[in-house]
């Protein structure tokens, strides 16, 4: 098969790493890709939102499958354009992608189809949003309605910080994504990330993980796109997985199909395990980043047949995926200043070292100078991952690799996996 991967981050690098290991692959191309992905793919400089350019590239390489990585490509309508020329695509249409691209759409969707989620208010102005706060108790959850690269959520401990977050959103901090704001009830419980595949009709659960959103150790500081993940997570008991499947996953796939947009791809269910059962925090219409990285380390089955089955309506023929018994962990190394204004251009050495068969360094935001120097080119720069029989051993292995990489302008959390490791 000839396969095109769309995107340039750590998620896409981990997908390339796993796809390249498949005996079914003849040619693997990434657009635009990143320096780390050059070990697995041909790189082509076509942006993830350049729909016409990506369709032309897929046709040029006679792609048998296009794999969409980022949500921006979903929202741009890449799957729709590929369908128009008959190229199979792993990724939903722009209409189905509204489950991520608009939080207001998703809240209304949950109301229509009975999916459990938090109470909310959708606000078109700062004054309306501030007035809506009176209906909620602190801490206040303020979300930009649109796509904000994982940074459009503020959990404000008091009214003053909530008002400031609302002013930031309507003041343009998140661009068009913040032109509308959703105020939500704060949910008590433990957060988790579950993934499910769908081919438009059939679906299956496809792994789970737990993310660390806050930028600093001890769950301190602002929310980010994710500072690290681990899998499996103890919160996902068999009972919880079944509840998520029946209360959130299957109703979501049935509902979006009833809306006229059958879902083909992966649905990322971010949920809160509350005393009343799982409640939806938000949907994402692609693999999580950095959750995808730990899933790819744990997935024993060949990934490619599952991607193709979703794209071609044959998921019902696929067996349940096989997972390694080991635990996997991902530590995000970010540039100082993230999630605000990260320091760009910092030199990185040692990221290409051999850390063993059970470890991998995925590039998330890097660039390669003409003279071959690797530099930071984003907020989240590297994803340092490892797997081992126990989570503690996986953590030790991952942090040993982090410490062996020289990136003076970078930082990371040192407590990834703390919830599971603190259990008796």
Protein backbone atom coordinates (compact mmCIF):
# COMPACT_ATOMS: atom_id res chain seq x y z
CA UNK A 1 0.00 0.00 0.00
CA UNK A 2 0.93 3.61 -0.53
CA UNK A 3 -0.10 5.66 2.51
CA UNK A 4 -0.13 9.42 3.11
CA UNK A 5 -0.02 10.70 6.70
CA UNK A 6 -1.21 14.26 7.19
CA UNK A 7 0.32 16.32 10.00
CA UNK A 8 3.61 17.23 11.64
CA UNK A 9 3.45 16.59 15.38
CA UNK A 10 4.23 13.89 17.88
CA UNK A 11 0.95 12.12 17.21
CA UNK A 12 1.76 11.87 13.51
CA UNK A 13 5.34 10.75 14.23
CA UNK A 14 4.07 7.92 16.44
CA UNK A 15 1.55 6.92 13.75
CA UNK A 16 4.34 6.88 11.16
CA UNK A 17 6.52 4.79 13.49
CA UNK A 18 3.76 2.21 13.87
CA UNK A 19 2.55 2.26 10.25
CA UNK A 20 6.10 1.90 8.90
CA UNK A 21 6.40 -1.40 10.78
CA UNK A 22 3.50 -2.91 8.82
CA UNK A 23 4.36 -5.44 6.09
CA UNK A 24 1.45 -4.03 4.11
CA UNK A 25 3.21 -0.72 3.45
CA UNK A 26 5.13 -0.12 0.25
CA UNK A 27 5.45 3.67 0.32
CA UNK A 28 4.86 6.03 3.24
CA UNK A 29 4.69 9.79 2.74
CA UNK A 30 4.06 12.49 5.36
CA UNK A 31 2.86 16.02 4.68
CA UNK A 32 4.33 18.18 5.98
CA UNK A 33 5.94 15.82 8.50
CA UNK A 34 8.83 16.73 10.79
CA UNK A 35 12.58 15.97 10.99
CA UNK A 36 12.06 12.90 13.18
CA UNK A 37 9.58 11.38 10.74
CA UNK A 38 12.20 11.37 7.99
CA UNK A 39 13.40 8.04 9.41
CA UNK A 40 10.07 6.42 8.48
CA UNK A 41 8.63 8.57 5.67
CA UNK A 42 9.22 10.66 2.65
CA UNK A 43 8.47 14.25 3.64
CA UNK A 44 6.53 16.60 1.38
CA UNK A 45 6.05 20.26 2.24
CA UNK A 46 2.26 20.49 2.01
CA UNK A 47 0.40 22.07 4.92
CA UNK A 48 -2.19 20.04 6.83
CA UNK A 49 -4.87 22.58 5.87
CA UNK A 50 -3.94 22.78 2.16
CA UNK A 51 -6.79 20.54 1.04
CA UNK A 52 -6.21 20.94 -2.69
CA UNK A 53 -2.48 20.34 -2.28
CA UNK A 54 -3.01 17.23 -0.17
CA UNK A 55 -5.54 15.76 -2.62
CA UNK A 56 -3.09 16.38 -5.45
CA UNK A 57 -0.29 14.72 -3.45
CA UNK A 58 -2.48 11.71 -2.66
CA UNK A 59 -3.26 11.34 -6.35
CA UNK A 60 0.42 11.79 -7.30
CA UNK A 61 1.57 8.92 -5.06
CA UNK A 62 -1.47 6.79 -5.92
CA UNK A 63 -2.39 6.63 -2.24
CA UNK A 64 -4.42 3.65 -1.14
CA UNK A 65 -5.11 5.38 2.16
CA UNK A 66 -4.81 8.85 3.67
CA UNK A 67 -4.49 9.08 7.47
CA UNK A 68 -5.55 12.40 8.98
CA UNK A 69 -3.61 13.35 12.09
CA UNK A 70 -4.67 16.85 13.24
CA UNK A 71 -8.10 18.30 13.86
CA UNK A 72 -7.32 21.25 11.59
CA UNK A 73 -7.31 18.96 8.55
CA UNK A 74 -10.65 17.48 9.63
CA UNK A 75 -12.19 20.93 10.01
CA UNK A 76 -10.78 22.01 6.62
CA UNK A 77 -12.76 19.23 4.92
CA UNK A 78 -9.92 17.01 3.75
CA UNK A 79 -11.95 13.80 4.12
CA UNK A 80 -14.75 15.31 2.05
CA UNK A 81 -12.36 16.28 -0.74
CA UNK A 82 -10.71 12.86 -0.79
CA UNK A 83 -14.09 11.13 -0.96
CA UNK A 84 -14.93 13.22 -4.00
CA UNK A 85 -11.98 11.70 -5.88
CA UNK A 86 -12.40 8.18 -4.51
CA UNK A 87 -9.40 7.99 -2.16
CA UNK A 88 -10.01 6.12 1.13
CA UNK A 89 -9.48 8.33 4.17
CA UNK A 90 -9.10 7.58 7.86
CA UNK A 91 -10.74 10.66 9.33
CA UNK A 92 -14.24 12.10 9.55
CA UNK A 93 -15.95 14.65 7.34
CA UNK A 94 -16.03 18.32 8.34
CA UNK A 95 -19.67 17.90 9.37
CA UNK A 96 -18.88 15.00 11.69
CA UNK A 97 -15.80 16.92 12.81
CA UNK A 98 -18.03 19.52 14.46
CA UNK A 99 -17.95 17.19 17.45
CA UNK A 100 -14.55 18.76 18.07
CA UNK A 101 -14.52 21.99 16.11
CA UNK A 102 -17.44 23.47 18.06
CA UNK A 103 -18.00 22.84 21.76
CA UNK A 104 -21.39 24.52 21.49
CA UNK A 105 -22.36 22.07 18.73
CA UNK A 106 -21.28 19.14 20.92
CA UNK A 107 -23.24 20.34 23.94
CA UNK A 108 -26.40 20.66 21.82
CA UNK A 109 -25.63 17.24 20.31
CA UNK A 110 -25.43 15.73 23.79
CA UNK A 111 -28.80 17.26 24.63
CA UNK A 112 -30.40 15.85 21.48
CA UNK A 113 -29.10 12.32 21.92
CA UNK A 114 -29.01 11.99 25.70
CA UNK A 115 -25.25 11.80 26.27
CA UNK A 116 -24.26 12.53 29.88
CA UNK A 117 -22.23 15.72 30.22
CA UNK A 118 -21.93 18.81 32.42
CA UNK A 119 -24.42 21.66 32.67
CA UNK A 120 -23.43 24.54 30.39
CA UNK A 121 -24.19 27.94 28.88
CA UNK A 122 -23.23 29.12 25.39
CA UNK A 123 -22.40 32.83 25.30
CA UNK A 124 -21.92 35.16 22.34
CA UNK A 125 -20.63 38.19 24.29
CA UNK A 126 -18.43 38.86 27.30
CA UNK A 127 -21.33 40.43 29.18
CA UNK A 128 -23.53 37.39 28.58
CA UNK A 129 -20.75 35.06 29.71
CA UNK A 130 -20.16 36.99 32.91
CA UNK A 131 -23.88 37.01 33.63
CA UNK A 132 -24.00 33.24 33.05
CA UNK A 133 -21.38 32.67 35.75
CA UNK A 134 -24.09 33.36 38.33
CA UNK A 135 -25.63 30.00 37.39
CA UNK A 136 -22.46 28.12 38.34
CA UNK A 137 -20.29 27.65 41.41
CA UNK A 138 -16.49 27.85 41.49
CA UNK A 139 -14.23 26.60 40.14
CA UNK A 140 -15.53 27.96 36.84
CA UNK A 141 -14.80 26.22 33.53
CA UNK A 142 -14.47 28.63 30.59
CA UNK A 143 -13.90 27.21 27.11
CA UNK A 144 -13.32 28.81 23.73
CA UNK A 145 -15.92 27.32 21.41
CA UNK A 146 -13.59 26.56 18.49
CA UNK A 147 -10.24 24.88 17.90
CA UNK A 148 -7.54 26.37 20.14
CA UNK A 149 -4.79 23.74 19.99
CA UNK A 150 -5.71 22.35 23.40
CA UNK A 151 -5.18 25.70 25.14
CA UNK A 152 -8.69 27.17 25.02
CA UNK A 153 -9.78 25.91 28.45
CA UNK A 154 -9.42 27.85 31.70
CA UNK A 155 -10.42 26.46 35.10
CA UNK A 156 -10.79 29.58 37.23
CA UNK A 157 -10.84 29.20 41.03
CA UNK A 158 -12.78 32.43 41.61
CA UNK A 159 -14.96 35.01 39.92
CA UNK A 160 -12.13 37.47 39.22
CA UNK A 161 -10.11 34.91 37.29
CA UNK A 162 -13.24 33.74 35.46
CA UNK A 163 -14.02 37.30 34.37
CA UNK A 164 -10.43 37.71 33.20
CA UNK A 165 -10.59 34.46 31.20
CA UNK A 166 -13.79 35.62 29.52
CA UNK A 167 -12.21 38.96 28.65
CA UNK A 168 -9.16 37.15 27.23
CA UNK A 169 -11.32 34.93 25.02
CA UNK A 170 -13.48 37.72 23.64
CA UNK A 171 -10.41 39.96 23.44
CA UNK A 172 -8.89 37.72 20.79
CA UNK A 173 -6.50 35.50 22.73
CA UNK A 174 -7.73 32.44 20.82
CA UNK A 175 -8.63 34.21 17.58
CA UNK A 176 -11.87 33.12 15.96
CA UNK A 177 -12.01 30.11 18.29
CA UNK A 178 -12.87 32.45 21.15
CA UNK A 179 -15.58 34.43 19.36
CA UNK A 180 -18.07 32.32 21.32
CA UNK A 181 -17.53 30.91 24.81
CA UNK A 182 -18.99 27.93 26.64
CA UNK A 183 -19.29 28.08 30.43
CA UNK A 184 -19.46 24.62 32.02
CA UNK A 185 -20.15 23.03 35.35
CA UNK A 186 -16.96 21.77 37.01
CA UNK A 187 -17.07 17.99 37.19
CA UNK A 188 -15.66 16.15 40.21
CA UNK A 189 -13.92 12.85 39.53
CA UNK A 190 -10.99 11.37 37.66
CA UNK A 191 -10.34 12.25 34.04
CA UNK A 192 -9.57 9.72 31.33
CA UNK A 193 -9.20 9.35 27.57
CA UNK A 194 -10.86 6.51 25.67
CA UNK A 195 -10.63 5.91 21.91
CA UNK A 196 -13.08 4.21 19.58
CA UNK A 197 -12.95 3.40 15.86
CA UNK A 198 -15.90 3.64 13.49
CA UNK A 199 -16.43 2.93 9.78
CA UNK A 200 -19.76 4.70 9.51
CA UNK A 201 -21.75 1.77 10.91
CA UNK A 202 -19.66 -0.57 13.06
CA UNK A 203 -17.47 0.55 15.93
CA UNK A 204 -15.01 -0.81 18.49
CA UNK A 205 -13.16 0.49 21.52
CA UNK A 206 -9.49 1.08 20.69
CA UNK A 207 -7.57 1.67 23.89
CA UNK A 208 -7.42 4.22 26.67
CA UNK A 209 -4.94 6.38 28.54
CA UNK A 210 -4.69 9.15 31.11
CA UNK A 211 -3.35 12.60 30.31
CA UNK A 212 -1.76 15.35 32.42
CA UNK A 213 -3.10 18.71 31.24
CA UNK A 214 -1.55 21.16 33.70
CA UNK A 215 1.86 22.51 32.79
CA UNK A 216 3.65 21.97 36.11
CA UNK A 217 4.15 19.13 38.59
CA UNK A 218 1.34 18.50 41.04
CA UNK A 219 -1.30 19.58 38.52
CA UNK A 220 -0.35 23.22 38.87
CA UNK A 221 -0.39 26.05 36.34
CA UNK A 222 -2.47 26.60 33.20
CA UNK A 223 -3.95 23.92 30.98
CA UNK A 224 -1.92 22.77 28.00
CA UNK A 225 -2.38 20.43 25.07
CA UNK A 226 -0.96 17.72 27.34
CA UNK A 227 2.31 17.33 29.24
CA UNK A 228 2.39 13.54 29.33
CA UNK A 229 0.34 10.36 29.28
CA UNK A 230 0.39 6.78 30.40
CA UNK A 231 -1.51 3.62 29.49
CA UNK A 232 -3.20 1.56 30.75
CA UNK A 233 -4.78 3.75 33.44
CA UNK A 234 -6.29 2.14 36.55
CA UNK A 235 -9.38 4.37 36.33
CA UNK A 236 -10.51 2.32 33.31
CA UNK A 237 -12.06 -0.65 35.02
CA UNK A 238 -13.99 -3.08 32.79
CA UNK A 239 -17.18 -1.56 34.21
CA UNK A 240 -16.15 2.00 33.28
CA UNK A 241 -15.10 0.96 29.76
CA UNK A 242 -18.47 -0.67 29.20
CA UNK A 243 -20.31 2.39 30.54
CA UNK A 244 -18.35 4.70 28.23
CA UNK A 245 -19.06 2.44 25.28
CA UNK A 246 -22.81 2.26 25.86
CA UNK A 247 -23.45 5.78 27.21
CA UNK A 248 -21.07 7.88 25.11
CA UNK A 249 -19.39 6.05 22.21
CA UNK A 250 -22.29 4.22 20.58
CA UNK A 251 -24.83 7.04 21.06
CA UNK A 252 -22.34 9.50 19.56
CA UNK A 253 -21.74 7.40 16.46
CA UNK A 254 -25.47 6.72 16.04
CA UNK A 255 -26.33 10.38 16.58
CA UNK A 256 -23.85 11.83 14.11
CA UNK A 257 -25.01 9.28 11.51
CA UNK A 258 -28.62 10.33 12.16
CA UNK A 259 -27.48 13.91 11.54
CA UNK A 260 -26.36 12.80 8.07
CA UNK A 261 -22.62 12.51 8.73
CA UNK A 262 -21.60 8.87 9.32
CA UNK A 263 -18.33 8.81 11.26
CA UNK A 264 -15.22 7.22 9.76
CA UNK A 265 -12.08 7.37 11.83
CA UNK A 266 -11.25 7.54 15.52
CA UNK A 267 -13.27 9.31 18.18
CA UNK A 268 -11.40 10.50 21.27
CA UNK A 269 -13.72 10.59 24.27
CA UNK A 270 -12.35 12.75 27.08
CA UNK A 271 -14.44 11.90 30.10
CA UNK A 272 -14.75 12.42 33.80
CA UNK A 273 -15.38 9.31 35.88
CA UNK A 274 -17.81 10.75 38.43
CA UNK A 275 -19.82 9.16 41.26
CA UNK A 276 -22.74 9.11 38.81
CA UNK A 277 -20.77 7.34 36.07
CA UNK A 278 -18.81 8.71 33.11
CA UNK A 279 -19.65 12.19 31.84
CA UNK A 280 -18.33 13.73 28.64
CA UNK A 281 -15.73 16.47 29.00
CA UNK A 282 -15.26 16.81 25.25
CA UNK A 283 -14.94 14.88 22.01
CA UNK A 284 -11.93 15.05 19.71
CA UNK A 285 -12.21 13.75 16.17
CA UNK A 286 -8.69 12.31 15.93
CA UNK A 287 -6.17 10.45 18.05
CA UNK A 288 -5.10 12.34 21.14
CA UNK A 289 -1.74 14.02 21.35
CA UNK A 290 0.14 12.76 23.40
CA UNK A 291 -2.22 9.83 24.08
CA UNK A 292 -1.61 8.35 20.63
CA UNK A 293 2.05 7.89 21.45
CA UNK A 294 1.47 5.49 24.35
CA UNK A 295 -1.23 3.62 22.43
CA UNK A 296 1.16 3.00 19.55
CA UNK A 297 3.80 1.65 21.95
CA UNK A 298 1.27 -0.75 23.47
CA UNK A 299 -0.55 -1.84 20.30
CA UNK A 300 0.59 -5.34 19.37
CA UNK A 301 -1.64 -5.69 16.29
CA UNK A 302 -0.76 -4.22 12.91
CA UNK A 303 -2.39 -0.77 12.85
CA UNK A 304 -2.83 -0.48 9.09
CA UNK A 305 -5.71 -2.98 8.64
CA UNK A 306 -7.75 -1.11 11.27
CA UNK A 307 -7.16 2.25 9.59
CA UNK A 308 -8.12 0.84 6.20
CA UNK A 309 -11.18 -0.94 7.59
CA UNK A 310 -12.48 2.34 9.02
CA UNK A 311 -11.95 4.08 5.70
CA UNK A 312 -13.60 1.36 3.60
CA UNK A 313 -16.51 0.23 5.80
CA UNK A 314 -15.07 -3.14 6.82
CA UNK A 315 -14.49 -2.68 10.54
CA UNK A 316 -17.03 -5.40 11.41
CA UNK A 317 -14.65 -7.94 9.82
CA UNK A 318 -11.78 -6.99 12.13
CA UNK A 319 -10.87 -8.90 15.31
CA UNK A 320 -10.44 -7.08 18.59
CA UNK A 321 -7.00 -5.42 18.65
CA UNK A 322 -4.24 -7.08 20.66
CA UNK A 323 -2.39 -5.00 23.24
CA UNK A 324 0.93 -5.61 24.97
CA UNK A 325 0.76 -6.39 28.66
CA UNK A 326 3.36 -3.71 29.37
CA UNK A 327 2.67 -0.17 30.52
CA UNK A 328 3.73 2.78 28.38
CA UNK A 329 4.46 6.37 29.33
CA UNK A 330 5.05 9.57 27.36
CA UNK A 331 6.88 12.60 28.78
CA UNK A 332 6.43 15.85 26.87
CA UNK A 333 9.49 18.07 26.69
CA UNK A 334 8.32 21.62 26.00
CA UNK A 335 10.07 24.89 25.24
CA UNK A 336 10.29 27.32 28.14
CA UNK A 337 7.39 29.73 28.07
CA UNK A 338 4.84 27.12 26.95
CA UNK A 339 1.82 27.25 26.97
CA UNK A 340 2.26 30.99 26.59
CA UNK A 341 4.97 32.20 24.19
CA UNK A 342 7.53 29.39 23.90
CA UNK A 343 11.21 30.12 23.31
CA UNK A 344 11.92 29.24 19.70
CA UNK A 345 15.15 28.03 18.14
CA UNK A 346 16.73 26.21 21.07
CA UNK A 347 19.36 23.66 20.03
CA UNK A 348 18.61 19.99 20.72
CA UNK A 349 21.19 17.21 20.72
CA UNK A 350 20.92 13.54 21.59
CA UNK A 351 17.30 13.06 20.54
CA UNK A 352 18.35 10.54 17.89
CA UNK A 353 20.26 8.31 20.32
CA UNK A 354 19.40 4.62 20.60
CA UNK A 355 17.43 4.28 23.83
CA UNK A 356 16.53 0.65 23.23
CA UNK A 357 13.74 -1.27 21.54
CA UNK A 358 11.20 -0.31 24.20
CA UNK A 359 11.78 3.44 24.00
CA UNK A 360 11.11 6.06 21.34
CA UNK A 361 11.54 9.81 20.91
CA UNK A 362 8.83 11.37 18.78
CA UNK A 363 9.29 14.87 17.41
CA UNK A 364 6.43 17.23 18.22
CA UNK A 365 7.77 20.68 17.32
CA UNK A 366 11.22 20.62 15.74
CA UNK A 367 13.00 21.92 12.65
CA UNK A 368 16.30 20.98 11.03
CA UNK A 369 18.60 23.79 9.92
CA UNK A 370 20.41 23.62 6.60
CA UNK A 371 23.57 22.83 8.56
CA UNK A 372 21.89 19.85 10.23
CA UNK A 373 21.26 21.41 13.66
CA UNK A 374 18.01 20.33 15.29
CA UNK A 375 16.08 23.19 16.89
CA UNK A 376 12.84 23.76 18.78
CA UNK A 377 10.02 25.04 16.59
CA UNK A 378 6.94 24.81 18.78
CA UNK A 379 5.58 24.72 22.30
CA UNK A 380 5.69 20.96 22.78
CA UNK A 381 8.99 19.91 21.23
CA UNK A 382 9.70 16.23 21.97
CA UNK A 383 7.71 13.24 23.24
CA UNK A 384 10.00 10.85 25.12
CA UNK A 385 8.27 7.48 25.47
CA UNK A 386 9.02 4.07 26.95
CA UNK A 387 7.27 0.83 27.83
CA UNK A 388 8.06 -1.78 30.47
CA UNK A 389 6.42 -4.51 32.52
CA UNK A 390 5.52 -1.99 35.23
CA UNK A 391 4.62 1.67 34.92
CA UNK A 392 7.36 2.60 37.38
CA UNK A 393 9.99 0.90 35.21
CA UNK A 394 8.56 2.58 32.10
CA UNK A 395 8.73 5.95 33.87
CA UNK A 396 12.34 5.39 34.95
CA UNK A 397 13.28 4.42 31.41
CA UNK A 398 11.55 7.45 29.87
CA UNK A 399 13.11 9.94 32.29
CA UNK A 400 16.55 8.41 31.78
CA UNK A 401 16.12 9.19 28.07
CA UNK A 402 14.88 12.71 28.87
CA UNK A 403 17.98 13.32 30.96
CA UNK A 404 20.25 12.05 28.18
CA UNK A 405 18.88 14.61 25.70
CA UNK A 406 20.54 18.03 25.77
CA UNK A 407 17.92 20.77 25.33
CA UNK A 408 18.78 23.70 27.64
CA UNK A 409 15.68 25.69 26.62
CA UNK A 410 13.34 22.81 27.43
CA UNK A 411 11.47 21.61 30.49
CA UNK A 412 9.14 18.78 31.45
CA UNK A 413 6.99 17.57 34.28
CA UNK A 414 8.72 14.99 36.48
CA UNK A 415 5.56 13.37 37.85
CA UNK A 416 3.87 11.80 34.83
CA UNK A 417 1.89 8.77 35.98
CA UNK A 418 1.61 9.94 39.59
CA UNK A 419 -2.04 8.92 40.00
CA UNK A 420 -1.36 5.28 39.16
CA UNK A 421 1.97 5.17 40.97
CA UNK A 422 0.44 6.55 44.17
CA UNK A 423 -2.06 3.68 44.39
CA UNK A 424 -1.33 0.96 46.98
